[in-house]
């Protein structure tokens, strides 16, 4: 039995089967490349679902983490530490907001945003206690906690986890008329992904986000943008909402905020929203820990240069031009996305998304399927044009087989 087979067999025997990973066992990684236990190299075209926007082993991020590891890693929020205020200040400035509530994972941040919206609704808007409603979109993916799957339309994520948390209304993504009908006097927030990643990198119709922003402002409802996957450079802008000139009331951030080094997430909003919390009402032992703040501060500094956003925009234009040439050739039905992020719908007769992903793996390229016939492409923003083209060549070769 090979080292790969042995490691996979052990994982299958001793870990819960909540994932179905490709049969590769990674041992090391650098930039846009990963190396398995057998020494074979693979081009990473997934980037940890955007957690690795700045690549594997980014020297600036590793150095920031190493320096902090030598000083202090955790205090809990029972005490102040010397990186916390700086982190909150700089992240708030990056977002153009006033306050930050740091957490760890994206799902934690979404849960925090839900609690924020409800508390704001009761204490600021004046919704009767227990009647708050949050409007969400079909095919959303915001995480997998019990509350979050309560408003999921994905049966794999939702089924057999009830009873479900009430207080959510689901409308079709991109349908502004349905959104208008759903927003009532008891609505406290609209929660949306500016681009739906897990659903297949679905980009809403032009003007949709602007329409939601206008509607929520008119009706005194919070607009919460889940930028966990779409944010921090992935689409060619710091935030995907910027493509429509939209500034939400609340940003929910995660994944790339931790640079692929540590889990870091945050809810960012103005004082009139996040100011509803008082001591003891919400918290996290690891949220805003010194190590997380040190890494996230370096991420923020890197984003301020604009280098990564520009790179995603320029390489993304090239990526979509090349992928667009595949549509209509008998193997690809459609391509969607923005920046260095694409969903590619494979003609079902040519194979499932899983089968195409496995064939690409055999050629040294790593992507991931979703919803049957779709593969997602989201390489680290540090990928070279030459490596990107090589990866696209492998996709063409697989589709021509």
Protein backbone atom coordinates (compact mmCIF):
# COMPACT_ATOMS: atom_id res chain seq x y z
CA UNK A 1 0.00 0.00 0.00
CA UNK A 2 1.37 3.45 -0.94
CA UNK A 3 1.75 6.29 1.54
CA UNK A 4 -1.22 7.97 -0.10
CA UNK A 5 -3.43 4.90 0.13
CA UNK A 6 -2.37 4.28 3.72
CA UNK A 7 -3.14 7.86 4.80
CA UNK A 8 -6.52 7.85 3.06
CA UNK A 9 -7.47 4.46 4.54
CA UNK A 10 -6.57 5.70 8.03
CA UNK A 11 -8.59 8.88 7.55
CA UNK A 12 -11.57 6.89 6.30
CA UNK A 13 -11.37 4.59 9.30
CA UNK A 14 -10.99 7.20 12.03
CA UNK A 15 -12.61 10.45 10.86
CA UNK A 16 -16.28 11.24 10.30
CA UNK A 17 -17.18 11.16 6.62
CA UNK A 18 -18.52 14.71 6.44
CA UNK A 19 -16.28 15.47 3.44
CA UNK A 20 -15.49 13.57 0.24
CA UNK A 21 -12.00 14.85 -0.59
CA UNK A 22 -10.13 14.08 -3.76
CA UNK A 23 -7.69 11.16 -3.24
CA UNK A 24 -4.59 13.29 -2.67
CA UNK A 25 -2.60 13.66 0.57
CA UNK A 26 -0.81 17.01 0.72
CA UNK A 27 2.49 17.21 2.55
CA UNK A 28 3.72 20.73 1.71
CA UNK A 29 2.78 23.80 -0.30
CA UNK A 30 4.25 27.02 -1.60
CA UNK A 31 2.55 29.83 -3.51
CA UNK A 32 0.06 28.26 -5.91
CA UNK A 33 1.57 24.76 -5.72
CA UNK A 34 1.08 21.81 -3.40
CA UNK A 35 3.16 18.65 -3.08
CA UNK A 36 1.76 15.31 -1.96
CA UNK A 37 3.35 12.62 0.21
CA UNK A 38 4.68 10.89 -2.89
CA UNK A 39 6.47 14.05 -4.05
CA UNK A 40 4.12 14.91 -6.91
CA UNK A 41 3.29 18.60 -7.42
CA UNK A 42 -0.18 20.00 -8.07
CA UNK A 43 -1.39 23.44 -9.12
CA UNK A 44 -3.90 24.64 -6.54
CA UNK A 45 -6.85 26.15 -8.40
CA UNK A 46 -9.15 26.20 -5.35
CA UNK A 47 -7.14 28.17 -2.75
CA UNK A 48 -9.01 26.77 0.23
CA UNK A 49 -12.32 28.23 -1.00
CA UNK A 50 -10.60 31.68 -1.01
CA UNK A 51 -8.94 31.29 2.40
CA UNK A 52 -5.59 31.15 0.58
CA UNK A 53 -5.99 34.26 -1.56
CA UNK A 54 -2.36 35.20 -0.85
CA UNK A 55 -0.98 31.74 -1.56
CA UNK A 56 0.49 28.96 0.52
CA UNK A 57 3.29 29.88 2.88
CA UNK A 58 3.15 33.60 2.07
CA UNK A 59 6.35 34.91 3.59
CA UNK A 60 4.86 38.11 4.98
CA UNK A 61 2.08 36.19 6.72
CA UNK A 62 4.34 33.42 8.02
CA UNK A 63 6.81 35.99 9.39
CA UNK A 64 3.99 37.89 11.10
CA UNK A 65 2.68 34.67 12.67
CA UNK A 66 6.15 33.51 13.75
CA UNK A 67 6.95 36.84 15.40
CA UNK A 68 3.67 36.78 17.33
CA UNK A 69 4.12 33.13 18.33
CA UNK A 70 7.25 34.15 20.22
CA UNK A 71 5.35 36.80 22.20
CA UNK A 72 1.78 35.82 23.14
CA UNK A 73 -0.89 33.81 21.32
CA UNK A 74 -3.96 34.00 23.55
CA UNK A 75 -5.23 36.13 26.41
CA UNK A 76 -8.99 35.63 25.96
CA UNK A 77 -11.09 38.77 25.92
CA UNK A 78 -10.86 38.91 29.72
CA UNK A 79 -7.84 41.17 29.11
CA UNK A 80 -6.70 43.63 26.48
CA UNK A 81 -3.67 42.76 24.37
CA UNK A 82 -1.42 45.00 22.31
CA UNK A 83 -2.61 43.88 18.85
CA UNK A 84 -6.36 44.05 19.39
CA UNK A 85 -7.06 47.77 19.10
CA UNK A 86 -4.81 48.07 16.07
CA UNK A 87 -6.57 45.19 14.34
CA UNK A 88 -10.06 46.55 14.99
CA UNK A 89 -9.08 50.07 13.96
CA UNK A 90 -7.42 49.05 10.71
CA UNK A 91 -10.12 46.56 9.69
CA UNK A 92 -12.83 49.15 10.38
CA UNK A 93 -10.92 51.65 8.23
CA UNK A 94 -10.52 49.12 5.40
CA UNK A 95 -14.28 48.61 5.42
CA UNK A 96 -15.17 52.27 5.92
CA UNK A 97 -16.99 51.40 9.14
CA UNK A 98 -16.63 52.25 12.84
CA UNK A 99 -16.63 48.98 14.79
CA UNK A 100 -15.46 45.37 14.54
CA UNK A 101 -16.64 42.26 16.35
CA UNK A 102 -13.98 39.56 15.78
CA UNK A 103 -14.74 35.86 15.76
CA UNK A 104 -12.97 32.79 14.35
CA UNK A 105 -14.82 31.00 11.57
CA UNK A 106 -17.14 32.23 8.85
CA UNK A 107 -20.11 30.38 10.31
CA UNK A 108 -19.45 32.02 13.69
CA UNK A 109 -19.42 35.41 12.01
CA UNK A 110 -22.73 34.70 10.26
CA UNK A 111 -24.27 33.61 13.57
CA UNK A 112 -22.95 36.84 15.07
CA UNK A 113 -24.46 38.87 12.23
CA UNK A 114 -27.83 37.17 12.76
CA UNK A 115 -27.72 37.99 16.48
CA UNK A 116 -26.63 41.55 15.70
CA UNK A 117 -29.53 42.08 13.29
CA UNK A 118 -32.11 40.69 15.69
CA UNK A 119 -30.83 42.72 18.64
CA UNK A 120 -30.69 45.86 16.48
CA UNK A 121 -34.23 45.14 15.29
CA UNK A 122 -35.60 44.92 18.82
CA UNK A 123 -33.60 47.69 20.47
CA UNK A 124 -33.24 50.21 17.64
CA UNK A 125 -35.92 49.58 15.01
CA UNK A 126 -38.56 48.61 17.56
CA UNK A 127 -39.70 45.25 16.19
CA UNK A 128 -41.75 43.34 18.82
CA UNK A 129 -39.56 40.86 20.69
CA UNK A 130 -39.51 37.42 19.05
CA UNK A 131 -40.91 38.66 15.70
CA UNK A 132 -37.73 39.64 13.84
CA UNK A 133 -37.41 38.30 10.31
CA UNK A 134 -34.32 38.05 8.11
CA UNK A 135 -34.68 37.65 4.34
CA UNK A 136 -32.15 35.37 2.61
CA UNK A 137 -31.65 34.00 -0.90
CA UNK A 138 -32.28 30.52 -2.24
CA UNK A 139 -29.15 28.45 -2.94
CA UNK A 140 -27.27 30.39 -0.28
CA UNK A 141 -24.31 29.02 1.58
CA UNK A 142 -23.48 30.78 4.84
CA UNK A 143 -22.19 27.84 6.88
CA UNK A 144 -23.49 24.70 8.55
CA UNK A 145 -24.57 25.51 12.09
CA UNK A 146 -28.10 24.53 13.12
CA UNK A 147 -29.40 28.07 12.69
CA UNK A 148 -27.69 28.58 9.34
CA UNK A 149 -28.92 25.32 7.80
CA UNK A 150 -32.41 26.33 8.93
CA UNK A 151 -32.46 28.79 6.01
CA UNK A 152 -30.56 26.64 3.52
CA UNK A 153 -32.18 25.17 0.42
CA UNK A 154 -29.40 22.58 0.05
CA UNK A 155 -30.89 19.25 1.15
CA UNK A 156 -27.48 17.74 1.94
CA UNK A 157 -26.74 20.58 4.35
CA UNK A 158 -30.24 20.80 5.83
CA UNK A 159 -31.99 17.43 5.99
CA UNK A 160 -32.35 15.63 9.35
CA UNK A 161 -31.06 18.49 11.51
CA UNK A 162 -34.42 19.85 12.63
CA UNK A 163 -36.24 21.27 14.42
CA UNK A 164 -35.11 24.36 12.58
CA UNK A 165 -34.63 27.92 13.77
CA UNK A 166 -37.52 30.17 12.73
CA UNK A 167 -37.33 33.79 11.62
CA UNK A 168 -36.06 33.52 8.05
CA UNK A 169 -37.72 33.96 4.67
CA UNK A 170 -36.14 32.60 1.49
CA UNK A 171 -36.56 34.35 -1.86
CA UNK A 172 -35.02 33.61 -5.28
CA UNK A 173 -31.52 35.01 -5.71
CA UNK A 174 -31.42 37.96 -8.06
CA UNK A 175 -35.19 38.58 -7.95
CA UNK A 176 -35.67 42.12 -6.66
CA UNK A 177 -39.46 41.97 -6.96
CA UNK A 178 -39.59 38.92 -4.68
CA UNK A 179 -37.27 40.71 -2.26
CA UNK A 180 -39.56 43.74 -2.16
CA UNK A 181 -42.55 41.53 -1.35
CA UNK A 182 -40.67 39.70 1.40
CA UNK A 183 -39.51 42.79 3.30
CA UNK A 184 -42.13 43.75 5.91
CA UNK A 185 -42.31 45.91 9.02
CA UNK A 186 -40.81 43.03 11.02
CA UNK A 187 -37.85 42.52 8.69
CA UNK A 188 -34.60 43.44 10.43
CA UNK A 189 -32.10 42.42 7.75
CA UNK A 190 -31.44 41.10 4.28
CA UNK A 191 -28.51 38.66 4.26
CA UNK A 192 -26.89 37.98 0.88
CA UNK A 193 -23.73 36.74 -0.76
CA UNK A 194 -22.79 39.33 -3.41
CA UNK A 195 -21.73 36.31 -5.48
CA UNK A 196 -22.98 32.86 -4.47
CA UNK A 197 -19.86 30.70 -4.32
CA UNK A 198 -21.02 27.26 -3.24
CA UNK A 199 -24.00 27.49 -5.60
CA UNK A 200 -21.60 27.59 -8.54
CA UNK A 201 -20.18 31.15 -8.51
CA UNK A 202 -23.52 32.76 -9.37
CA UNK A 203 -23.31 36.46 -10.17
CA UNK A 204 -26.62 38.33 -9.68
CA UNK A 205 -28.14 40.43 -12.46
CA UNK A 206 -26.68 43.91 -12.94
CA UNK A 207 -28.38 46.37 -10.61
CA UNK A 208 -29.63 43.74 -8.17
CA UNK A 209 -27.31 44.65 -5.30
CA UNK A 210 -27.99 48.35 -5.85
CA UNK A 211 -31.70 47.62 -5.77
CA UNK A 212 -31.37 45.68 -2.51
CA UNK A 213 -29.32 48.52 -1.03
CA UNK A 214 -31.97 51.11 -1.96
CA UNK A 215 -34.81 48.90 -0.70
CA UNK A 216 -33.18 48.22 2.66
CA UNK A 217 -32.34 51.88 3.15
CA UNK A 218 -35.90 52.97 2.34
CA UNK A 219 -37.46 50.45 4.71
CA UNK A 220 -35.01 50.75 7.61
CA UNK A 221 -33.59 47.25 7.20
CA UNK A 222 -29.95 46.21 7.54
CA UNK A 223 -28.17 44.99 4.42
CA UNK A 224 -25.71 42.30 5.49
CA UNK A 225 -23.16 41.26 2.87
CA UNK A 226 -21.54 37.87 3.34
CA UNK A 227 -18.13 38.58 1.79
CA UNK A 228 -16.47 35.54 3.38
CA UNK A 229 -15.62 33.98 0.01
CA UNK A 230 -16.12 36.93 -2.34
CA UNK A 231 -14.23 39.52 -0.33
CA UNK A 232 -10.64 40.60 0.22
CA UNK A 233 -9.46 40.74 -3.36
CA UNK A 234 -10.97 37.64 -4.95
CA UNK A 235 -13.14 39.46 -7.52
CA UNK A 236 -10.68 42.21 -8.42
CA UNK A 237 -11.96 44.61 -5.76
CA UNK A 238 -11.51 44.52 -2.00
CA UNK A 239 -15.21 43.65 -1.71
CA UNK A 240 -17.48 42.18 -4.38
CA UNK A 241 -20.16 44.75 -3.49
CA UNK A 242 -17.86 47.45 -4.91
CA UNK A 243 -18.59 46.27 -8.45
CA UNK A 244 -22.01 47.90 -8.09
CA UNK A 245 -20.87 50.79 -5.93
CA UNK A 246 -22.74 49.31 -2.96
CA UNK A 247 -21.76 49.73 0.69
CA UNK A 248 -23.76 47.40 2.96
CA UNK A 249 -24.61 48.16 6.58
CA UNK A 250 -22.72 45.07 7.72
CA UNK A 251 -19.76 43.19 6.25
CA UNK A 252 -19.22 39.57 7.27
CA UNK A 253 -15.62 38.55 6.64
CA UNK A 254 -13.58 35.38 7.09
CA UNK A 255 -11.40 32.94 5.13
CA UNK A 256 -8.76 35.20 3.50
CA UNK A 257 -8.74 37.48 6.57
CA UNK A 258 -6.65 34.78 8.27
CA UNK A 259 -4.38 34.38 5.26
CA UNK A 260 -4.74 30.60 5.29
CA UNK A 261 -2.66 30.61 8.50
CA UNK A 262 -5.24 30.87 11.28
CA UNK A 263 -9.05 31.09 11.29
CA UNK A 264 -10.11 34.75 11.58
CA UNK A 265 -13.55 36.20 10.96
CA UNK A 266 -15.31 39.43 11.80
CA UNK A 267 -18.52 41.38 11.63
CA UNK A 268 -17.87 45.01 10.67
CA UNK A 269 -20.45 47.80 10.92
CA UNK A 270 -21.04 51.27 12.29
CA UNK A 271 -21.58 52.08 15.94
CA UNK A 272 -25.35 52.38 15.61
CA UNK A 273 -25.42 48.67 14.69
CA UNK A 274 -22.64 46.92 16.62
CA UNK A 275 -23.12 49.29 19.54
CA UNK A 276 -26.14 47.23 20.62
CA UNK A 277 -23.86 44.73 22.37
CA UNK A 278 -22.98 45.12 26.02
CA UNK A 279 -20.49 43.09 28.11
CA UNK A 280 -21.53 39.47 28.55
CA UNK A 281 -24.07 39.40 25.71
CA UNK A 282 -21.85 37.79 23.07
CA UNK A 283 -18.28 36.56 22.89
CA UNK A 284 -15.62 34.04 21.91
CA UNK A 285 -12.57 32.84 23.84
CA UNK A 286 -10.37 32.82 20.74
CA UNK A 287 -12.07 35.67 18.87
CA UNK A 288 -9.60 38.48 18.31
CA UNK A 289 -6.69 36.56 19.82
CA UNK A 290 -3.17 38.05 19.46
CA UNK A 291 -2.00 35.53 16.85
CA UNK A 292 -5.10 36.04 14.72
CA UNK A 293 -4.81 39.82 14.97
CA UNK A 294 -1.12 39.76 13.96
CA UNK A 295 -1.83 37.73 10.83
CA UNK A 296 -4.96 39.69 9.92
CA UNK A 297 -3.10 42.99 10.33
CA UNK A 298 -0.60 41.83 7.71
CA UNK A 299 -3.48 40.80 5.42
CA UNK A 300 -4.98 44.27 5.78
CA UNK A 301 -1.61 45.88 4.99
CA UNK A 302 -1.29 43.74 1.86
CA UNK A 303 -4.78 44.67 0.70
CA UNK A 304 -4.10 48.38 1.18
CA UNK A 305 -1.49 48.26 -1.57
CA UNK A 306 -4.15 47.32 -4.12
CA UNK A 307 -1.68 44.91 -5.72
CA UNK A 308 -3.74 41.80 -5.13
CA UNK A 309 -7.00 43.36 -6.25
CA UNK A 310 -5.36 44.53 -9.48
CA UNK A 311 -3.80 41.14 -10.05
CA UNK A 312 -7.16 39.41 -9.58
CA UNK A 313 -8.80 41.84 -12.00
CA UNK A 314 -6.18 41.47 -14.73
CA UNK A 315 -5.67 37.71 -14.48
CA UNK A 316 -9.41 37.30 -13.99
CA UNK A 317 -10.12 39.02 -17.28
CA UNK A 318 -7.71 36.62 -18.96
CA UNK A 319 -9.23 33.62 -17.14
CA UNK A 320 -12.78 34.44 -18.23
CA UNK A 321 -11.74 35.18 -21.80
CA UNK A 322 -10.10 31.77 -22.07
CA UNK A 323 -12.94 29.92 -20.34
CA UNK A 324 -15.47 31.71 -22.53
CA UNK A 325 -13.89 30.11 -25.59
CA UNK A 326 -14.88 26.70 -24.22
CA UNK A 327 -18.61 27.46 -24.16
CA UNK A 328 -20.55 25.96 -27.03
CA UNK A 329 -17.87 23.47 -27.99
CA UNK A 330 -19.82 20.49 -26.71
CA UNK A 331 -18.15 20.18 -23.32
CA UNK A 332 -18.99 23.39 -21.42
CA UNK A 333 -22.51 24.76 -21.08
CA UNK A 334 -21.76 28.03 -19.26
CA UNK A 335 -19.11 29.97 -17.39
CA UNK A 336 -19.79 32.52 -14.65
CA UNK A 337 -17.80 34.54 -12.19
CA UNK A 338 -15.76 37.64 -11.58
CA UNK A 339 -12.05 38.20 -11.09
CA UNK A 340 -10.06 35.07 -10.32
CA UNK A 341 -13.23 33.13 -9.57
CA UNK A 342 -15.23 31.04 -12.00
CA UNK A 343 -17.92 28.41 -12.07
CA UNK A 344 -17.76 26.12 -15.09
CA UNK A 345 -20.85 24.07 -15.97
CA UNK A 346 -19.83 20.81 -17.66
CA UNK A 347 -22.13 19.22 -20.24
CA UNK A 348 -23.49 16.24 -18.25
CA UNK A 349 -22.68 13.74 -21.00
CA UNK A 350 -18.99 14.66 -20.65
CA UNK A 351 -18.86 13.72 -16.99
CA UNK A 352 -19.83 14.96 -13.55
CA UNK A 353 -17.99 17.75 -11.83
CA UNK A 354 -16.38 15.15 -9.59
CA UNK A 355 -15.17 13.10 -12.55
CA UNK A 356 -13.69 16.17 -14.25
CA UNK A 357 -12.01 17.15 -10.97
CA UNK A 358 -10.45 13.69 -10.66
CA UNK A 359 -9.18 13.79 -14.25
CA UNK A 360 -7.65 17.21 -13.62
CA UNK A 361 -6.03 15.86 -10.45
CA UNK A 362 -4.41 13.14 -12.53
CA UNK A 363 -2.93 15.91 -14.67
CA UNK A 364 -1.67 17.86 -11.66
CA UNK A 365 -4.44 20.45 -11.26
CA UNK A 366 -6.70 20.70 -8.21
CA UNK A 367 -10.25 22.09 -8.43
CA UNK A 368 -13.48 21.10 -6.68
CA UNK A 369 -16.92 20.24 -7.92
CA UNK A 370 -20.24 21.53 -6.67
CA UNK A 371 -23.88 20.78 -7.48
CA UNK A 372 -23.20 17.83 -9.74
CA UNK A 373 -21.90 19.21 -13.01
CA UNK A 374 -20.08 22.38 -11.97
CA UNK A 375 -16.40 22.87 -11.13
CA UNK A 376 -15.08 25.92 -9.31
CA UNK A 377 -11.85 27.65 -10.26
CA UNK A 378 -10.36 30.04 -7.70
CA UNK A 379 -6.54 29.98 -7.67
CA UNK A 380 -4.47 31.98 -5.21
CA UNK A 381 -4.17 35.59 -6.34
CA UNK A 382 -0.38 35.14 -6.48
CA UNK A 383 -0.60 32.60 -9.30
CA UNK A 384 1.54 33.46 -12.34
CA UNK A 385 -0.04 33.90 -15.75
CA UNK A 386 2.12 31.02 -17.01
CA UNK A 387 0.87 28.67 -14.31
CA UNK A 388 -2.72 29.79 -14.87
CA UNK A 389 -2.39 29.09 -18.59
CA UNK A 390 -0.87 25.68 -17.87
CA UNK A 391 -3.83 24.83 -15.64
CA UNK A 392 -6.26 25.94 -18.35
CA UNK A 393 -4.38 23.78 -20.86
CA UNK A 394 -4.99 20.77 -18.63
CA UNK A 395 -8.69 21.61 -18.46
CA UNK A 396 -8.85 21.79 -22.28
CA UNK A 397 -7.10 18.46 -22.52
CA UNK A 398 -9.51 16.79 -20.09
CA UNK A 399 -12.53 18.20 -21.89
CA UNK A 400 -11.23 17.00 -25.26
CA UNK A 401 -10.71 13.42 -24.12
